[in-house]
Amino acid sequence: QVQFVESGGGSVQPGGSLRLSCAASGSINDIYAMGWARQAPGNEREVVATAISGGRTTYLDSVKGRFTISRDNAKNTVYLQMNSLKPEDTAVYYCYALDGATMNGHWGQGTQVTVSS
């Protein structure tokens, strides 16, 4: 069983910023990657950003230059700094972790991000 504590979601005006954080604990000792995905109503879930062990990061094209992912390996925690937010960024954001030993993925419960004037 893997538990996640997600925080930082909320409502913001276009152009504003939010910082999401997610801490993983429980039956996961070797995390290969942690990241964030999002799902807006009527849309499929899409991976927004991933922080891979060794320092590599990947981003969805539409958030490049606006979002920054970082990871604290000692705390099994991942952060997503979101700047210059747009209404199209509105979605439920889900934290995930990929277990390096089993290659199983685990998901958080999600946190709502709303960008609206």
Protein backbone atom coordinates (compact mmCIF):
# COMPACT_ATOMS: atom_id res chain seq x y z
CA GLN A 1 0.00 0.00 0.00
CA VAL A 2 1.36 3.40 -1.03
CA GLN A 3 0.04 6.60 0.47
CA PHE A 4 0.27 10.07 -0.97
CA VAL A 5 -0.17 13.45 0.68
CA GLU A 6 -0.91 16.06 -1.96
CA SER A 7 -1.30 19.77 -1.34
CA GLY A 8 -1.20 23.13 -3.07
CA GLY A 9 -4.20 23.05 -5.34
CA GLY A 10 -6.71 25.87 -5.46
CA SER A 11 -8.13 28.69 -7.53
CA VAL A 12 -6.08 31.38 -9.20
CA GLN A 13 -6.53 34.06 -11.85
CA PRO A 14 -4.92 33.70 -15.28
CA GLY A 15 -1.25 34.59 -15.08
CA GLY A 16 -1.03 33.50 -11.46
CA SER A 17 1.06 30.78 -9.83
CA LEU A 18 0.53 27.70 -7.71
CA ARG A 19 2.91 25.14 -6.22
CA LEU A 20 1.83 21.54 -5.82
CA SER A 21 3.57 19.12 -3.52
CA CYS A 22 3.21 15.37 -3.05
CA ALA A 23 4.86 13.09 -0.52
CA ALA A 24 4.80 9.31 -1.01
CA SER A 25 5.11 6.77 1.78
CA GLY A 26 4.36 3.15 2.51
CA SER A 27 5.29 0.10 0.44
CA ILE A 28 7.57 1.83 -2.01
CA ASN A 29 11.30 1.98 -1.38
CA ASP A 30 12.91 2.46 -4.76
CA ILE A 31 11.12 5.21 -6.64
CA TYR A 32 12.30 5.41 -10.24
CA ALA A 33 10.17 8.38 -11.18
CA MET A 34 7.66 10.76 -9.67
CA GLY A 35 5.49 13.21 -11.48
CA TRP A 36 2.17 14.83 -12.14
CA ALA A 37 -0.65 14.14 -14.53
CA ARG A 38 -3.91 16.03 -14.99
CA GLN A 39 -7.41 15.34 -16.17
CA ALA A 40 -9.97 17.93 -17.18
CA PRO A 41 -13.69 17.06 -17.51
CA GLY A 42 -14.32 15.15 -20.72
CA ASN A 43 -10.61 14.71 -21.40
CA GLU A 44 -8.20 11.84 -20.95
CA ARG A 45 -5.56 11.99 -18.25
CA GLU A 46 -2.29 13.41 -19.56
CA VAL A 47 1.15 13.39 -18.01
CA VAL A 48 2.28 16.94 -17.29
CA ALA A 49 5.77 16.49 -15.88
CA THR A 50 8.04 13.71 -14.66
CA ALA A 51 11.21 13.71 -12.56
CA ILE A 52 13.28 10.60 -13.20
CA SER A 53 16.02 9.27 -10.98
CA GLY A 54 19.36 10.68 -12.12
CA GLY A 55 17.96 14.15 -12.62
CA ARG A 56 16.21 13.97 -15.98
CA THR A 57 12.88 15.77 -16.30
CA THR A 58 10.23 15.70 -19.00
CA TYR A 59 7.33 18.06 -19.69
CA LEU A 60 4.15 18.21 -21.70
CA ASP A 61 4.79 20.63 -24.58
CA SER A 62 2.01 22.99 -23.51
CA VAL A 63 3.58 23.60 -20.08
CA LYS A 64 7.23 23.92 -21.08
CA GLY A 65 8.69 27.19 -19.85
CA ARG A 66 5.83 27.69 -17.38
CA PHE A 67 5.96 24.64 -15.10
CA THR A 68 8.96 23.31 -13.20
CA ILE A 69 9.12 19.91 -11.53
CA SER A 70 11.53 19.13 -8.73
CA ARG A 71 12.06 16.17 -6.46
CA ASP A 72 13.43 15.57 -2.98
CA ASN A 73 14.55 11.97 -3.06
CA ALA A 74 15.28 11.82 0.67
CA LYS A 75 11.67 12.74 1.41
CA ASN A 76 10.05 10.87 -1.51
CA THR A 77 8.47 14.19 -2.39
CA VAL A 78 7.81 15.85 -5.72
CA TYR A 79 6.87 19.46 -6.39
CA LEU A 80 5.33 21.23 -9.35
CA GLN A 81 5.79 24.98 -9.61
CA MET A 82 3.18 26.33 -12.01
CA ASN A 83 3.61 29.87 -13.31
CA SER A 84 1.74 31.90 -15.92
CA LEU A 85 -1.29 29.71 -15.44
CA LYS A 86 -3.94 29.64 -18.15
CA PRO A 87 -7.61 28.65 -18.03
CA GLU A 88 -6.75 25.55 -20.05
CA ASP A 89 -4.57 24.38 -17.16
CA THR A 90 -7.75 23.84 -15.12
CA ALA A 91 -7.94 20.17 -14.16
CA VAL A 92 -7.55 17.69 -11.35
CA TYR A 93 -3.83 17.12 -10.89
CA TYR A 94 -2.67 13.67 -9.82
CA CYS A 95 0.67 12.79 -8.31
CA TYR A 96 2.20 9.46 -9.33
CA ALA A 97 5.21 7.36 -8.45
CA LEU A 98 6.81 4.54 -10.41
CA ASP A 99 8.33 1.80 -8.29
CA GLY A 100 11.75 0.97 -9.68
CA ALA A 101 11.74 -2.53 -8.21
CA THR A 102 8.38 -3.67 -9.55
CA MET A 103 7.74 -1.02 -12.25
CA ASN A 104 4.26 -0.63 -10.80
CA GLY A 105 2.69 2.81 -10.91
CA HIS A 106 0.87 4.33 -7.97
CA TRP A 107 -1.48 7.32 -8.02
CA GLY A 108 -2.49 9.98 -5.54
CA GLN A 109 -6.08 11.04 -4.95
CA GLY A 110 -5.81 14.27 -6.94
CA THR A 111 -6.02 17.97 -6.19
CA GLN A 112 -8.14 20.50 -8.06
CA VAL A 113 -6.50 23.41 -9.88
CA THR A 114 -8.84 26.07 -11.27
CA VAL A 115 -7.65 29.01 -13.36
CA SER A 116 -10.39 31.55 -13.91
CA SER A 117 -10.99 35.27 -13.88
